[in-house]
Amino acid sequence: MLLTRLVDEHHGGFGVAKWLTFTLEVISSLILMGLMLLTCGDVIGRYLFNNSINGTTELTELALGIIIFCQIPVVTIASAHVVVDILDRFLPSIFLRLSGVISNLIVGAGFYYLAGRIWFMAERSLRRGVFTEFLQIPVAYFIQFISVMMYLSAAVLVIVAVRNLFKKDL
C-alpha cells in the first residue's frame, strides 16, 4: 500500500504508465548505482593496488545503453521531450493540438521503424554469436532490450497522440 501511494505521488501518467515509469526508473537507478560502484572500484583498484577491474569499459558501455533506453519511454510518457514553443502564443490552439498529434505519430512511426531495424541487428548478432571482447557477454540480448524499449516508446507516442486528439478541452 505504501508503494502504491508513493508511485501515485511521484509519477503522473495514465493507468499502467505510472507503474511502467516507476519500474524503468528503478532499473535505471540500480544500474546507475552499479555503474557508480564499478567506477569507484576501478579507480580505487587502479590507484591503490595498481590493478584496474577487467572489462570495466564493456560493462560501462552496456550499462549506459540500458540506462539511456530505459529512460526513453519514461521521457515519452512524461511528454518531457525538448519542444520549441516560440510561436505557441500566436497560433490557434487547434493548430497546436493537431501539430502535436501529427508530430507524435510521425516520431512514433520513426521509433517503430528504428525498433524493427534494431531487432534485425539483434537477430544478426545472435546468429553470428557476437560477444563483448574481454568478458564474452552476448551483445544480442542488450540490443533486443534496446529494440523493445523503442517499440514501447513508439506505442506510448501513438497512445499519447490518440489521447490528445480526443481530449475534450482545447
Protein backbone atom coordinates (compact mmCIF):
# COMPACT_ATOMS: atom_id res chain seq x y z
CA MET A 1 0.00 0.00 0.00
CA LEU A 2 2.87 2.37 0.80
CA LEU A 3 4.44 1.62 -2.59
CA THR A 4 1.18 2.40 -4.39
CA ARG A 5 0.84 5.71 -2.59
CA LEU A 6 4.47 6.57 -3.33
CA VAL A 7 4.08 5.79 -7.02
CA ASP A 8 0.84 7.80 -7.22
CA GLU A 9 2.51 10.82 -5.59
CA HIS A 10 5.64 10.90 -7.72
CA HIS A 11 4.56 9.58 -11.10
CA GLY A 12 1.95 11.11 -13.30
CA GLY A 13 0.62 9.31 -16.29
CA PHE A 14 -2.31 7.22 -17.25
CA GLY A 15 -3.15 3.81 -15.80
CA VAL A 16 -0.34 1.33 -16.10
CA ALA A 17 2.03 4.04 -17.35
CA LYS A 18 2.96 5.20 -13.87
CA TRP A 19 3.95 1.64 -12.86
CA LEU A 20 5.92 1.25 -16.07
CA THR A 21 7.65 4.56 -15.38
CA PHE A 22 8.38 3.51 -11.80
CA THR A 23 9.79 0.14 -12.90
CA LEU A 24 12.01 1.63 -15.60
CA GLU A 25 13.27 4.29 -13.21
CA VAL A 26 14.10 1.66 -10.58
CA ILE A 27 16.01 -0.37 -13.19
CA SER A 28 17.87 2.75 -14.35
CA SER A 29 18.66 3.76 -10.78
CA LEU A 30 20.01 0.34 -9.85
CA ILE A 31 22.14 0.17 -12.99
CA LEU A 32 23.42 3.70 -12.32
CA MET A 33 24.29 2.73 -8.74
CA GLY A 34 26.13 -0.34 -10.02
CA LEU A 35 27.93 1.81 -12.57
CA MET A 36 28.97 4.23 -9.84
CA LEU A 37 30.27 1.39 -7.64
CA LEU A 38 32.09 -0.15 -10.60
CA THR A 39 33.76 3.16 -11.43
CA CYS A 40 34.76 3.76 -7.81
CA GLY A 41 36.12 0.23 -7.52
CA ASP A 42 38.02 0.62 -10.76
CA VAL A 43 39.57 3.93 -9.70
CA ILE A 44 40.47 2.60 -6.23
CA GLY A 45 41.93 -0.54 -7.77
CA ARG A 46 43.92 1.45 -10.29
CA TYR A 47 45.43 3.94 -7.85
CA LEU A 48 45.79 1.93 -4.65
CA PHE A 49 46.51 -1.57 -5.97
CA ASN A 50 47.88 -0.69 -9.41
CA ASN A 51 45.32 -3.02 -10.99
CA SER A 52 42.01 -1.99 -12.55
CA ILE A 53 38.86 -4.12 -12.89
CA ASN A 54 38.90 -6.10 -16.13
CA GLY A 55 36.05 -5.30 -18.51
CA THR A 56 35.07 -2.00 -16.91
CA THR A 57 34.76 -0.32 -20.29
CA GLU A 58 32.46 -3.05 -21.62
CA LEU A 59 30.28 -3.01 -18.53
CA THR A 60 30.09 0.78 -18.64
CA GLU A 61 29.00 0.74 -22.30
CA LEU A 62 26.31 -1.87 -21.66
CA ALA A 63 25.10 -0.11 -18.52
CA LEU A 64 24.83 3.23 -20.30
CA GLY A 65 22.82 1.59 -23.06
CA ILE A 66 20.38 0.17 -20.52
CA ILE A 67 20.07 3.47 -18.66
CA ILE A 68 19.52 5.56 -21.78
CA PHE A 69 17.00 3.24 -23.38
CA CYS A 70 15.12 2.72 -20.11
CA GLN A 71 14.65 6.47 -19.94
CA ILE A 72 13.32 6.98 -23.48
CA PRO A 73 9.86 5.53 -22.61
CA VAL A 74 9.90 7.45 -19.31
CA VAL A 75 10.56 10.75 -21.08
CA THR A 76 7.94 9.88 -23.68
CA ILE A 77 5.29 9.06 -21.07
CA ALA A 78 6.02 12.31 -19.25
CA SER A 79 5.98 14.26 -22.55
CA ALA A 80 9.28 15.76 -21.46
CA HIS A 81 10.92 15.86 -24.88
CA VAL A 82 12.56 19.08 -25.98
CA VAL A 83 9.93 21.33 -27.52
CA VAL A 84 10.38 24.65 -29.27
CA ASP A 85 7.33 26.74 -28.45
CA ILE A 86 8.26 30.14 -29.84
CA LEU A 87 5.04 30.52 -31.85
CA ASP A 88 2.65 28.88 -29.39
CA ARG A 89 1.10 32.11 -28.16
CA PHE A 90 0.44 33.30 -31.73
CA LEU A 91 -1.06 30.14 -33.20
CA PRO A 92 -4.59 28.85 -32.56
CA SER A 93 -4.91 26.01 -30.05
CA ILE A 94 -6.44 23.64 -32.62
CA PHE A 95 -3.29 24.02 -34.74
CA LEU A 96 -1.10 23.31 -31.73
CA ARG A 97 -3.10 20.21 -30.87
CA LEU A 98 -3.04 18.88 -34.44
CA SER A 99 0.65 19.61 -34.89
CA GLY A 100 1.35 17.79 -31.60
CA VAL A 101 -0.72 14.80 -32.69
CA ILE A 102 0.93 14.69 -36.11
CA SER A 103 4.44 15.03 -34.70
CA ASN A 104 3.76 12.29 -32.11
CA LEU A 105 2.50 9.98 -34.86
CA ILE A 106 5.48 10.72 -37.12
CA VAL A 107 8.02 10.25 -34.34
CA GLY A 108 6.15 7.10 -33.21
CA ALA A 109 6.38 5.71 -36.73
CA GLY A 110 10.09 6.56 -36.79
CA PHE A 111 10.63 4.82 -33.45
CA TYR A 112 8.72 1.78 -34.72
CA TYR A 113 10.89 1.62 -37.84
CA LEU A 114 14.09 2.02 -35.80
CA ALA A 115 12.95 -0.65 -33.35
CA GLY A 116 12.45 -3.06 -36.24
CA ARG A 117 15.92 -2.34 -37.62
CA ILE A 118 17.46 -2.69 -34.17
CA TRP A 119 15.67 -6.03 -33.66
CA PHE A 120 17.08 -7.17 -37.03
CA MET A 121 20.58 -6.26 -35.81
CA ALA A 122 19.96 -8.20 -32.59
CA GLU A 123 18.92 -11.30 -34.53
CA ARG A 124 22.01 -10.98 -36.70
CA SER A 125 24.21 -10.64 -33.62
CA LEU A 126 22.56 -13.69 -32.09
CA ARG A 127 23.09 -15.76 -35.26
CA ARG A 128 26.72 -14.69 -35.53
CA GLY A 129 27.42 -15.20 -31.83
CA VAL A 130 28.69 -11.68 -31.16
CA PHE A 131 30.20 -11.28 -27.69
CA THR A 132 32.00 -8.46 -25.93
CA GLU A 133 35.75 -8.58 -26.34
CA PHE A 134 37.02 -9.23 -22.81
CA LEU A 135 34.11 -10.55 -20.73
CA GLN A 136 32.45 -12.54 -23.53
CA ILE A 137 28.95 -11.19 -22.73
CA PRO A 138 26.43 -11.86 -25.54
CA VAL A 139 25.58 -8.50 -27.08
CA ALA A 140 22.35 -9.58 -28.79
CA TYR A 141 20.27 -9.54 -25.61
CA PHE A 142 21.20 -5.93 -24.93
CA ILE A 143 20.32 -4.99 -28.50
CA GLN A 144 16.97 -6.77 -28.11
CA PHE A 145 16.34 -4.79 -24.93
CA ILE A 146 17.02 -1.56 -26.82
CA SER A 147 14.59 -2.64 -29.53
CA VAL A 148 11.87 -3.46 -27.01
CA MET A 149 12.29 -0.05 -25.37
CA MET A 150 11.99 1.62 -28.78
CA TYR A 151 8.81 -0.39 -29.56
CA LEU A 152 7.45 0.64 -26.17
CA SER A 153 8.25 4.31 -26.83
CA ALA A 154 6.57 4.10 -30.24
CA ALA A 155 3.44 2.66 -28.65
CA VAL A 156 3.42 5.37 -25.98
CA LEU A 157 3.75 8.08 -28.64
CA VAL A 158 0.79 6.69 -30.57
CA ILE A 159 -1.30 6.39 -27.39
CA VAL A 160 -0.44 9.97 -26.40
CA ALA A 161 -1.31 11.19 -29.90
CA VAL A 162 -4.70 9.46 -29.81
CA ARG A 163 -5.41 10.74 -26.29
CA ASN A 164 -4.52 14.29 -27.32
CA LEU A 165 -6.63 14.03 -30.45
CA PHE A 166 -9.75 13.12 -28.49
CA LYS A 167 -9.09 15.32 -25.46
CA LYS A 168 -12.14 17.45 -24.63
CA ASP A 169 -10.50 20.75 -23.68
CA LEU A 170 -8.85 22.96 -26.28
